[in-house]
Amino acid sequence: MAEQLNYAKMKTFDDFIRFVGMSPTPFVQYVEIEGKHVYFVQFMGFGGGKMVYFYERDKRIDEKYIVFNRFRDQVTFSNTFVSDGQSAYIPILELEKTNIFSEYPPK
């Protein structure tokens, strides 16, 4: 039996980053699919089910890090990592390809 992969498309990029920035190991995966810039994270749910949270952007993020300042609730971008107690520096891991999205956009 094929394992079901559940999806959640976030309404705003800032909400997506707030969600990722509060996780114990914040990082974002990036892949371009059919000209779309897709940023996502995958989590194992209760009972072993997989859940993918994603956001599709019109433009690619050129920087290496998404910076989420938890105290100001602000999202910015940076090419350098800075040790900062207020901010989560979320690395963007670029994938060459993935089979997580067997169809895009997921239905």
PDB file of N, CA and C in Angstrom:
ATOM      1  N   MET A   1       0.851  -1.175   0.000  1.00  0.00           N
ATOM      2  CA  MET A   1       0.000   0.000   0.000  1.00  0.00           C
ATOM      3  C   MET A   1       0.895   1.235   0.000  1.00  0.00           C
ATOM      4  N   ALA A   2       0.622   2.180  -0.879  1.00  0.00           N
ATOM      5  CA  ALA A   2       1.408   3.408  -0.973  1.00  0.00           C
ATOM      6  C   ALA A   2       1.148   4.289   0.244  1.00  0.00           C
ATOM      7  N   GLU A   3       2.226   4.873   0.715  1.00  0.00           N
ATOM      8  CA  GLU A   3       2.127   5.761   1.867  1.00  0.00           C
ATOM      9  C   GLU A   3       1.589   7.110   1.413  1.00  0.00           C
ATOM     10  N   GLN A   4       0.585   7.625   2.118  1.00  0.00           N
ATOM     11  CA  GLN A   4      -0.022   8.889   1.739  1.00  0.00           C
ATOM     12  C   GLN A   4       0.824  10.049   2.244  1.00  0.00           C
ATOM     13  N   LEU A   5       1.000  11.030   1.388  1.00  0.00           N
ATOM     14  CA  LEU A   5       1.711  12.250   1.738  1.00  0.00           C
ATOM     15  C   LEU A   5       0.696  13.368   1.785  1.00  0.00           C
ATOM     16  N   ASN A   6       0.566  14.001   2.936  1.00  0.00           N
ATOM     17  CA  ASN A   6      -0.381  15.089   3.100  1.00  0.00           C
ATOM     18  C   ASN A   6       0.315  16.419   2.863  1.00  0.00           C
ATOM     19  N   TYR A   7      -0.417  17.385   2.304  1.00  0.00           N
ATOM     20  CA  TYR A   7       0.124  18.687   1.955  1.00  0.00           C
ATOM     21  C   TYR A   7      -0.631  19.785   2.676  1.00  0.00           C
ATOM     22  N   ALA A   8       0.086  20.857   2.958  1.00  0.00           N
ATOM     23  CA  ALA A   8      -0.546  22.078   3.450  1.00  0.00           C
ATOM     24  C   ALA A   8       0.131  23.241   2.740  1.00  0.00           C
ATOM     25  N   LYS A   9      -0.603  23.915   1.879  1.00  0.00           N
ATOM     26  CA  LYS A   9      -0.068  25.093   1.195  1.00  0.00           C
ATOM     27  C   LYS A   9      -0.351  26.298   2.082  1.00  0.00           C
ATOM     28  N   MET A  10       0.714  26.945   2.511  1.00  0.00           N
ATOM     29  CA  MET A  10       0.570  28.095   3.401  1.00  0.00           C
ATOM     30  C   MET A  10       0.072  29.295   2.600  1.00  0.00           C
ATOM     31  N   LYS A  11      -0.757  30.115   3.236  1.00  0.00           N
ATOM     32  CA  LYS A  11      -1.360  31.254   2.558  1.00  0.00           C
ATOM     33  C   LYS A  11      -0.358  32.381   2.332  1.00  0.00           C
ATOM     34  N   THR A  12       0.551  32.609   3.303  1.00  0.00           N
ATOM     35  CA  THR A  12       1.549  33.663   3.149  1.00  0.00           C
ATOM     36  C   THR A  12       2.938  33.102   3.427  1.00  0.00           C
ATOM     37  N   PHE A  13       3.940  33.693   2.810  1.00  0.00           N
ATOM     38  CA  PHE A  13       5.312  33.281   3.033  1.00  0.00           C
ATOM     39  C   PHE A  13       5.718  33.540   4.483  1.00  0.00           C
ATOM     40  N   ASP A  14       5.298  34.671   5.040  1.00  0.00           N
ATOM     41  CA  ASP A  14       5.632  34.988   6.433  1.00  0.00           C
ATOM     42  C   ASP A  14       5.073  33.941   7.396  1.00  0.00           C
ATOM     43  N   ASP A  15       3.850  33.468   7.162  1.00  0.00           N
ATOM     44  CA  ASP A  15       3.293  32.403   8.012  1.00  0.00           C
ATOM     45  C   ASP A  15       4.110  31.119   7.873  1.00  0.00           C
ATOM     46  N   PHE A  16       4.524  30.811   6.660  1.00  0.00           N
ATOM     47  CA  PHE A  16       5.357  29.634   6.425  1.00  0.00           C
ATOM     48  C   PHE A  16       6.657  29.742   7.220  1.00  0.00           C
ATOM     49  N   ILE A  17       7.298  30.892   7.187  1.00  0.00           N
ATOM     50  CA  ILE A  17       8.562  31.086   7.894  1.00  0.00           C
ATOM     51  C   ILE A  17       8.350  31.118   9.401  1.00  0.00           C
ATOM     52  N   ARG A  18       7.260  31.676   9.876  1.00  0.00           N
ATOM     53  CA  ARG A  18       6.962  31.626  11.315  1.00  0.00           C
ATOM     54  C   ARG A  18       6.876  30.173  11.778  1.00  0.00           C
ATOM     55  N   PHE A  19       6.200  29.360  11.002  1.00  0.00           N
ATOM     56  CA  PHE A  19       6.052  27.940  11.316  1.00  0.00           C
ATOM     57  C   PHE A  19       7.417  27.252  11.341  1.00  0.00           C
ATOM     58  N   VAL A  20       8.219  27.450  10.312  1.00  0.00           N
ATOM     59  CA  VAL A  20       9.535  26.823  10.219  1.00  0.00           C
ATOM     60  C   VAL A  20      10.467  27.361  11.304  1.00  0.00           C
ATOM     61  N   GLY A  21      10.429  28.672  11.535  1.00  0.00           N
ATOM     62  CA  GLY A  21      11.324  29.306  12.494  1.00  0.00           C
ATOM     63  C   GLY A  21      11.117  28.863  13.922  1.00  0.00           C
ATOM     64  N   MET A  22       9.981  28.331  14.239  1.00  0.00           N
ATOM     65  CA  MET A  22       9.694  27.849  15.594  1.00  0.00           C
ATOM     66  C   MET A  22       9.957  26.355  15.742  1.00  0.00           C
ATOM     67  N   SER A  23      10.363  25.694  14.672  1.00  0.00           N
ATOM     68  CA  SER A  23      10.631  24.258  14.757  1.00  0.00           C
ATOM     69  C   SER A  23      12.006  24.017  15.382  1.00  0.00           C
ATOM     70  N   PRO A  24      12.229  22.831  15.935  1.00  0.00           N
ATOM     71  CA  PRO A  24      13.508  22.545  16.595  1.00  0.00           C
ATOM     72  C   PRO A  24      14.711  22.566  15.647  1.00  0.00           C
ATOM     73  N   THR A  25      14.529  22.192  14.397  1.00  0.00           N
ATOM     74  CA  THR A  25      15.616  22.220  13.411  1.00  0.00           C
ATOM     75  C   THR A  25      15.138  22.978  12.178  1.00  0.00           C
ATOM     76  N   PRO A  26      15.226  24.309  12.227  1.00  0.00           N
ATOM     77  CA  PRO A  26      14.682  25.086  11.114  1.00  0.00           C
ATOM     78  C   PRO A  26      15.580  25.068   9.873  1.00  0.00           C
ATOM     79  N   PHE A  27      15.041  24.567   8.783  1.00  0.00           N
ATOM     80  CA  PHE A  27      15.657  24.670   7.462  1.00  0.00           C
ATOM     81  C   PHE A  27      14.534  24.541   6.443  1.00  0.00           C
ATOM     82  N   VAL A  28      14.787  25.061   5.252  1.00  0.00           N
ATOM     83  CA  VAL A  28      13.801  25.038   4.180  1.00  0.00           C
ATOM     84  C   VAL A  28      14.448  24.397   2.963  1.00  0.00           C
ATOM     85  N   GLN A  29      13.695  23.560   2.293  1.00  0.00           N
ATOM     86  CA  GLN A  29      14.159  22.976   1.046  1.00  0.00           C
ATOM     87  C   GLN A  29      13.539  23.757  -0.108  1.00  0.00           C
ATOM     88  N   TYR A  30      14.325  23.901  -1.171  1.00  0.00           N
ATOM     89  CA  TYR A  30      13.864  24.651  -2.340  1.00  0.00           C
ATOM     90  C   TYR A  30      14.045  23.807  -3.591  1.00  0.00           C
ATOM     91  N   VAL A  31      13.057  23.854  -4.458  1.00  0.00           N
ATOM     92  CA  VAL A  31      13.158  23.216  -5.767  1.00  0.00           C
ATOM     93  C   VAL A  31      12.310  24.024  -6.750  1.00  0.00           C
ATOM     94  N   GLU A  32      12.785  24.086  -7.973  1.00  0.00           N
ATOM     95  CA  GLU A  32      11.991  24.710  -9.031  1.00  0.00           C
ATOM     96  C   GLU A  32      11.266  23.607  -9.774  1.00  0.00           C
ATOM     97  N   ILE A  33       9.941  23.702  -9.821  1.00  0.00           N
ATOM     98  CA  ILE A  33       9.105  22.707 -10.494  1.00  0.00           C
ATOM     99  C   ILE A  33       8.262  23.426 -11.537  1.00  0.00           C
ATOM    100  N   GLU A  34       8.453  23.069 -12.788  1.00  0.00           N
ATOM    101  CA  GLU A  34       7.673  23.645 -13.887  1.00  0.00           C
ATOM    102  C   GLU A  34       7.660  25.174 -13.820  1.00  0.00           C
ATOM    103  N   GLY A  35       8.832  25.769 -13.547  1.00  0.00           N
ATOM    104  CA  GLY A  35       8.952  27.227 -13.491  1.00  0.00           C
ATOM    105  C   GLY A  35       8.447  27.862 -12.210  1.00  0.00           C
ATOM    106  N   LYS A  36       8.006  27.061 -11.266  1.00  0.00           N
ATOM    107  CA  LYS A  36       7.515  27.567  -9.977  1.00  0.00           C
ATOM    108  C   LYS A  36       8.612  27.413  -8.926  1.00  0.00           C
ATOM    109  N   HIS A  37       8.754  28.398  -8.047  1.00  0.00           N
ATOM    110  CA  HIS A  37       9.751  28.379  -6.981  1.00  0.00           C
ATOM    111  C   HIS A  37       9.060  27.894  -5.709  1.00  0.00           C
ATOM    112  N   VAL A  38       9.347  26.649  -5.337  1.00  0.00           N
ATOM    113  CA  VAL A  38       8.632  25.987  -4.248  1.00  0.00           C
ATOM    114  C   VAL A  38       9.579  25.816  -3.050  1.00  0.00           C
ATOM    115  N   TYR A  39       9.156  26.339  -1.909  1.00  0.00           N
ATOM    116  CA  TYR A  39       9.890  26.225  -0.650  1.00  0.00           C
ATOM    117  C   TYR A  39       9.056  25.343   0.263  1.00  0.00           C
ATOM    118  N   PHE A  40       9.689  24.333   0.878  1.00  0.00           N
ATOM    119  CA  PHE A  40       8.896  23.396   1.665  1.00  0.00           C
ATOM    120  C   PHE A  40       9.704  22.771   2.786  1.00  0.00           C
ATOM    121  N   VAL A  41       8.975  22.197   3.723  1.00  0.00           N
ATOM    122  CA  VAL A  41       9.538  21.382   4.796  1.00  0.00           C
ATOM    123  C   VAL A  41       8.669  20.144   4.910  1.00  0.00           C
ATOM    124  N   GLN A  42       9.296  19.049   5.335  1.00  0.00           N
ATOM    125  CA  GLN A  42       8.572  17.790   5.510  1.00  0.00           C
ATOM    126  C   GLN A  42       8.697  17.358   6.956  1.00  0.00           C
ATOM    127  N   PHE A  43       7.584  16.968   7.546  1.00  0.00           N
ATOM    128  CA  PHE A  43       7.565  16.493   8.926  1.00  0.00           C
ATOM    129  C   PHE A  43       6.882  15.139   8.982  1.00  0.00           C
ATOM    130  N   MET A  44       7.309  14.343   9.950  1.00  0.00           N
ATOM    131  CA  MET A  44       6.619  13.085  10.221  1.00  0.00           C
ATOM    132  C   MET A  44       5.517  13.393  11.227  1.00  0.00           C
ATOM    133  N   GLY A  45       4.312  13.013  10.897  1.00  0.00           N
ATOM    134  CA  GLY A  45       3.182  13.252  11.779  1.00  0.00           C
ATOM    135  C   GLY A  45       2.995  12.107  12.758  1.00  0.00           C
ATOM    136  N   PHE A  46       1.975  12.242  13.564  1.00  0.00           N
ATOM    137  CA  PHE A  46       1.638  11.180  14.504  1.00  0.00           C
ATOM    138  C   PHE A  46       1.237   9.936  13.714  1.00  0.00           C
ATOM    139  N   GLY A  47       1.673   8.793  14.150  1.00  0.00           N
ATOM    140  CA  GLY A  47       1.363   7.552  13.466  1.00  0.00           C
ATOM    141  C   GLY A  47       2.241   7.303  12.252  1.00  0.00           C
ATOM    142  N   GLY A  48       3.275   8.130  12.053  1.00  0.00           N
ATOM    143  CA  GLY A  48       4.215   7.915  10.964  1.00  0.00           C
ATOM    144  C   GLY A  48       3.839   8.527   9.628  1.00  0.00           C
ATOM    145  N   GLY A  49       2.695   9.216   9.552  1.00  0.00           N
ATOM    146  CA  GLY A  49       2.309   9.856   8.296  1.00  0.00           C
ATOM    147  C   GLY A  49       3.199  11.045   7.982  1.00  0.00           C
ATOM    148  N   LYS A  50       3.385  11.313   6.706  1.00  0.00           N
ATOM    149  CA  LYS A  50       4.221  12.431   6.285  1.00  0.00           C
ATOM    150  C   LYS A  50       3.365  13.647   5.960  1.00  0.00           C
ATOM    151  N   MET A  51       3.891  14.813   6.338  1.00  0.00           N
ATOM    152  CA  MET A  51       3.193  16.074   6.086  1.00  0.00           C
ATOM    153  C   MET A  51       4.180  17.038   5.465  1.00  0.00           C
ATOM    154  N   VAL A  52       3.798  17.660   4.356  1.00  0.00           N
ATOM    155  CA  VAL A  52       4.631  18.653   3.691  1.00  0.00           C
ATOM    156  C   VAL A  52       3.920  19.997   3.764  1.00  0.00           C
ATOM    157  N   TYR A  53       4.632  20.988   4.318  1.00  0.00           N
ATOM    158  CA  TYR A  53       4.162  22.362   4.346  1.00  0.00           C
ATOM    159  C   TYR A  53       4.965  23.101   3.289  1.00  0.00           C
ATOM    160  N   PHE A  54       4.277  23.862   2.434  1.00  0.00           N
ATOM    161  CA  PHE A  54       5.014  24.524   1.359  1.00  0.00           C
ATOM    162  C   PHE A  54       4.421  25.882   1.031  1.00  0.00           C
ATOM    163  N   TYR A  55       5.249  26.659   0.334  1.00  0.00           N
ATOM    164  CA  TYR A  55       4.830  27.951  -0.181  1.00  0.00           C
ATOM    165  C   TYR A  55       5.467  28.134  -1.545  1.00  0.00           C
ATOM    166  N   GLU A  56       4.696  28.628  -2.489  1.00  0.00           N
ATOM    167  CA  GLU A  56       5.170  28.868  -3.843  1.00  0.00           C
ATOM    168  C   GLU A  56       5.366  30.374  -4.031  1.00  0.00           C
ATOM    169  N   ARG A  57       6.562  30.745  -4.454  1.00  0.00           N
ATOM    170  CA  ARG A  57       6.873  32.159  -4.693  1.00  0.00           C
ATOM    171  C   ARG A  57       7.007  32.425  -6.189  1.00  0.00           C
ATOM    172  N   ASP A  58       6.698  33.669  -6.567  1.00  0.00           N
ATOM    173  CA  ASP A  58       6.862  34.069  -7.961  1.00  0.00           C
ATOM    174  C   ASP A  58       8.335  34.219  -8.319  1.00  0.00           C
ATOM    175  N   LYS A  59       9.135  34.624  -7.326  1.00  0.00           N
ATOM    176  CA  LYS A  59      10.546  34.909  -7.560  1.00  0.00           C
ATOM    177  C   LYS A  59      11.400  34.056  -6.633  1.00  0.00           C
ATOM    178  N   ARG A  60      12.510  33.594  -7.146  1.00  0.00           N
ATOM    179  CA  ARG A  60      13.459  32.818  -6.357  1.00  0.00           C
ATOM    180  C   ARG A  60      14.143  33.712  -5.320  1.00  0.00           C
ATOM    181  N   ILE A  61      14.426  33.162  -4.159  1.00  0.00           N
ATOM    182  CA  ILE A  61      15.199  33.866  -3.137  1.00  0.00           C
ATOM    183  C   ILE A  61      16.671  33.625  -3.465  1.00  0.00           C
ATOM    184  N   ASP A  62      17.420  34.684  -3.707  1.00  0.00           N
ATOM    185  CA  ASP A  62      18.820  34.554  -4.099  1.00  0.00           C
ATOM    186  C   ASP A  62      19.758  34.369  -2.910  1.00  0.00           C
ATOM    187  N   GLU A  63      19.365  34.808  -1.725  1.00  0.00           N
ATOM    188  CA  GLU A  63      20.221  34.703  -0.549  1.00  0.00           C
ATOM    189  C   GLU A  63      20.239  33.271  -0.021  1.00  0.00           C
ATOM    190  N   LYS A  64      21.211  32.979   0.865  1.00  0.00           N
ATOM    191  CA  LYS A  64      21.390  31.638   1.419  1.00  0.00           C
ATOM    192  C   LYS A  64      20.532  31.374   2.648  1.00  0.00           C
ATOM    193  N   TYR A  65      20.093  32.431   3.340  1.00  0.00           N
ATOM    194  CA  TYR A  65      19.351  32.280   4.594  1.00  0.00           C
ATOM    195  C   TYR A  65      18.090  33.129   4.588  1.00  0.00           C
ATOM    196  N   ILE A  66      17.058  32.585   5.191  1.00  0.00           N
ATOM    197  CA  ILE A  66      15.866  33.350   5.536  1.00  0.00           C
ATOM    198  C   ILE A  66      16.019  33.680   7.020  1.00  0.00           C
ATOM    199  N   VAL A  67      15.887  34.943   7.371  1.00  0.00           N
ATOM    200  CA  VAL A  67      16.090  35.370   8.750  1.00  0.00           C
ATOM    201  C   VAL A  67      14.731  35.713   9.347  1.00  0.00           C
ATOM    202  N   PHE A  68      14.371  34.993  10.397  1.00  0.00           N
ATOM    203  CA  PHE A  68      13.105  35.250  11.097  1.00  0.00           C
ATOM    204  C   PHE A  68      13.417  35.811  12.473  1.00  0.00           C
ATOM    205  N   ASN A  69      13.139  37.103  12.654  1.00  0.00           N
ATOM    206  CA  ASN A  69      13.324  37.747  13.945  1.00  0.00           C
ATOM    207  C   ASN A  69      12.060  37.477  14.768  1.00  0.00           C
ATOM    208  N   ARG A  70      12.212  36.637  15.776  1.00  0.00           N
ATOM    209  CA  ARG A  70      11.060  36.210  16.589  1.00  0.00           C
ATOM    210  C   ARG A  70      10.481  37.337  17.427  1.00  0.00           C
ATOM    211  N   PHE A  71      11.302  38.301  17.816  1.00  0.00           N
ATOM    212  CA  PHE A  71      10.839  39.382  18.680  1.00  0.00           C
ATOM    213  C   PHE A  71      10.126  40.475  17.902  1.00  0.00           C
ATOM    214  N   ARG A  72      10.570  40.746  16.699  1.00  0.00           N
ATOM    215  CA  ARG A  72       9.936  41.776  15.865  1.00  0.00           C
ATOM    216  C   ARG A  72       8.926  41.184  14.886  1.00  0.00           C
ATOM    217  N   ASP A  73       8.867  39.825  14.811  1.00  0.00           N
ATOM    218  CA  ASP A  73       7.987  39.137  13.864  1.00  0.00           C
ATOM    219  C   ASP A  73       8.271  39.626  12.439  1.00  0.00           C
ATOM    220  N   GLN A  74       9.573  39.619  12.086  1.00  0.00           N
ATOM    221  CA  GLN A  74      10.021  40.169  10.816  1.00  0.00           C
ATOM    222  C   GLN A  74      10.805  39.113  10.039  1.00  0.00           C
ATOM    223  N   VAL A  75      10.564  39.046   8.731  1.00  0.00           N
ATOM    224  CA  VAL A  75      11.254  38.108   7.845  1.00  0.00           C
ATOM    225  C   VAL A  75      12.119  38.906   6.873  1.00  0.00           C
ATOM    226  N   THR A  76      13.422  38.573   6.831  1.00  0.00           N
ATOM    227  CA  THR A  76      14.357  39.177   5.892  1.00  0.00           C
ATOM    228  C   THR A  76      15.229  38.066   5.304  1.00  0.00           C
ATOM    229  N   PHE A  77      16.190  38.453   4.486  1.00  0.00           N
ATOM    230  CA  PHE A  77      17.071  37.492   3.838  1.00  0.00           C
ATOM    231  C   PHE A  77      18.523  37.923   4.022  1.00  0.00           C
ATOM    232  N   SER A  78      19.447  36.951   4.008  1.00  0.00           N
ATOM    233  CA  SER A  78      20.866  37.259   4.206  1.00  0.00           C
ATOM    234  C   SER A  78      21.729  36.196   3.535  1.00  0.00           C
ATOM    235  N   ASN A  79      22.930  36.595   3.145  1.00  0.00           N
ATOM    236  CA  ASN A  79      23.915  35.646   2.626  1.00  0.00           C
ATOM    237  C   ASN A  79      24.895  35.202   3.694  1.00  0.00           C
ATOM    238  N   THR A  80      24.836  35.835   4.860  1.00  0.00           N
ATOM    239  CA  THR A  80      25.766  35.485   5.933  1.00  0.00           C
ATOM    240  C   THR A  80      24.990  35.092   7.184  1.00  0.00           C
ATOM    241  N   PHE A  81      25.560  34.137   7.906  1.00  0.00           N
ATOM    242  CA  PHE A  81      24.975  33.679   9.166  1.00  0.00           C
ATOM    243  C   PHE A  81      25.520  34.535  10.300  1.00  0.00           C
ATOM    244  N   VAL A  82      24.639  34.986  11.169  1.00  0.00           N
ATOM    245  CA  VAL A  82      25.030  35.754  12.343  1.00  0.00           C
ATOM    246  C   VAL A  82      24.411  35.072  13.553  1.00  0.00           C
ATOM    247  N   SER A  83      25.196  34.878  14.595  1.00  0.00           N
ATOM    248  CA  SER A  83      24.671  34.295  15.824  1.00  0.00           C
ATOM    249  C   SER A  83      23.892  35.382  16.563  1.00  0.00           C
ATOM    250  N   ASP A  84      22.585  35.213  16.598  1.00  0.00           N
ATOM    251  CA  ASP A  84      21.698  36.243  17.140  1.00  0.00           C
ATOM    252  C   ASP A  84      20.590  35.550  17.919  1.00  0.00           C
ATOM    253  N   GLY A  85      20.476  35.855  19.199  1.00  0.00           N
ATOM    254  CA  GLY A  85      19.465  35.217  20.036  1.00  0.00           C
ATOM    255  C   GLY A  85      18.039  35.570  19.666  1.00  0.00           C
ATOM    256  N   GLN A  86      17.854  36.676  18.952  1.00  0.00           N
ATOM    257  CA  GLN A  86      16.502  37.090  18.578  1.00  0.00           C
ATOM    258  C   GLN A  86      16.020  36.445  17.283  1.00  0.00           C
ATOM    259  N   SER A  87      16.959  35.996  16.450  1.00  0.00           N
ATOM    260  CA  SER A  87      16.598  35.568  15.104  1.00  0.00           C
ATOM    261  C   SER A  87      16.978  34.120  14.836  1.00  0.00           C
ATOM    262  N   ALA A  88      16.172  33.487  14.005  1.00  0.00           N
ATOM    263  CA  ALA A  88      16.493  32.161  13.482  1.00  0.00           C
ATOM    264  C   ALA A  88      17.008  32.362  12.062  1.00  0.00           C
ATOM    265  N   TYR A  89      18.218  31.893  11.807  1.00  0.00           N
ATOM    266  CA  TYR A  89      18.784  31.922  10.458  1.00  0.00           C
ATOM    267  C   TYR A  89      18.474  30.571   9.828  1.00  0.00           C
ATOM    268  N   ILE A  90      17.555  30.572   8.895  1.00  0.00           N
ATOM    269  CA  ILE A  90      17.031  29.345   8.307  1.00  0.00           C
ATOM    270  C   ILE A  90      17.720  29.107   6.971  1.00  0.00           C
ATOM    271  N   PRO A  91      18.569  28.079   6.882  1.00  0.00           N
ATOM    272  CA  PRO A  91      19.246  27.825   5.607  1.00  0.00           C
ATOM    273  C   PRO A  91      18.267  27.318   4.551  1.00  0.00           C
ATOM    274  N   ILE A  92      18.533  27.734   3.324  1.00  0.00           N
ATOM    275  CA  ILE A  92      17.759  27.258   2.178  1.00  0.00           C
ATOM    276  C   ILE A  92      18.584  26.176   1.495  1.00  0.00           C
ATOM    277  N   LEU A  93      18.075  24.964   1.500  1.00  0.00           N
ATOM    278  CA  LEU A  93      18.762  23.828   0.891  1.00  0.00           C
ATOM    279  C   LEU A  93      18.175  23.600  -0.497  1.00  0.00           C
ATOM    280  N   GLU A  94      18.980  23.834  -1.521  1.00  0.00           N
ATOM    281  CA  GLU A  94      18.490  23.721  -2.885  1.00  0.00           C
ATOM    282  C   GLU A  94      18.609  22.289  -3.382  1.00  0.00           C
ATOM    283  N   LEU A  95      17.503  21.751  -3.826  1.00  0.00           N
ATOM    284  CA  LEU A  95      17.462  20.390  -4.366  1.00  0.00           C
ATOM    285  C   LEU A  95      17.554  20.446  -5.879  1.00  0.00           C
ATOM    286  N   GLU A  96      18.225  19.480  -6.448  1.00  0.00           N
ATOM    287  CA  GLU A  96      18.263  19.389  -7.908  1.00  0.00           C
ATOM    288  C   GLU A  96      16.920  18.868  -8.420  1.00  0.00           C
ATOM    289  N   LYS A  97      16.387  17.845  -7.725  1.00  0.00           N
ATOM    290  CA  LYS A  97      15.052  17.335  -8.041  1.00  0.00           C
ATOM    291  C   LYS A  97      14.565  16.523  -6.851  1.00  0.00           C
ATOM    292  N   THR A  98      13.272  16.277  -6.819  1.00  0.00           N
ATOM    293  CA  THR A  98      12.672  15.512  -5.734  1.00  0.00           C
ATOM    294  C   THR A  98      11.449  14.776  -6.264  1.00  0.00           C
ATOM    295  N   ASN A  99      11.091  13.690  -5.583  1.00  0.00           N
ATOM    296  CA  ASN A  99       9.851  12.994  -5.950  1.00  0.00           C
ATOM    297  C   ASN A  99       8.781  13.192  -4.873  1.00  0.00           C
ATOM    298  N   ILE A 100       9.025  14.131  -3.966  1.00  0.00           N
ATOM    299  CA  ILE A 100       8.024  14.414  -2.932  1.00  0.00           C
ATOM    300  C   ILE A 100       6.727  14.870  -3.565  1.00  0.00           C
ATOM    301  N   PHE A 101       6.825  15.735  -4.584  1.00  0.00           N
ATOM    302  CA  PHE A 101       5.638  16.199  -5.282  1.00  0.00           C
ATOM    303  C   PHE A 101       5.462  15.331  -6.521  1.00  0.00           C
ATOM    304  N   SER A 102       4.645  14.274  -6.416  1.00  0.00           N
ATOM    305  CA  SER A 102       4.415  13.414  -7.566  1.00  0.00           C
ATOM    306  C   SER A 102       3.609  14.138  -8.643  1.00  0.00           C
ATOM    307  N   GLU A 103       2.866  15.147  -8.231  1.00  0.00           N
ATOM    308  CA  GLU A 103       2.172  16.035  -9.157  1.00  0.00           C
ATOM    309  C   GLU A 103       2.251  17.445  -8.581  1.00  0.00           C
ATOM    310  N   TYR A 104       2.338  18.433  -9.455  1.00  0.00           N
ATOM    311  CA  TYR A 104       2.399  19.803  -8.971  1.00  0.00           C
ATOM    312  C   TYR A 104       1.519  20.667  -9.849  1.00  0.00           C
ATOM    313  N   PRO A 105       0.689  21.490  -9.234  1.00  0.00           N
ATOM    314  CA  PRO A 105       0.508  21.608  -7.783  1.00  0.00           C
ATOM    315  C   PRO A 105      -0.263  20.415  -7.223  1.00  0.00           C
ATOM    316  N   PRO A 106       0.027  20.080  -5.969  1.00  0.00           N
ATOM    317  CA  PRO A 106      -0.709  18.954  -5.359  1.00  0.00           C
ATOM    318  C   PRO A 106      -2.180  19.307  -5.216  1.00  0.00           C
ATOM    319  N   LYS A 107      -3.009  18.277  -5.289  1.00  0.00           N
ATOM    320  CA  LYS A 107      -4.472  18.502  -5.196  1.00  0.00           C
ATOM    321  C   LYS A 107      -4.994  18.038  -3.874  1.00  0.00           C
TER     322      LYS A 107
END
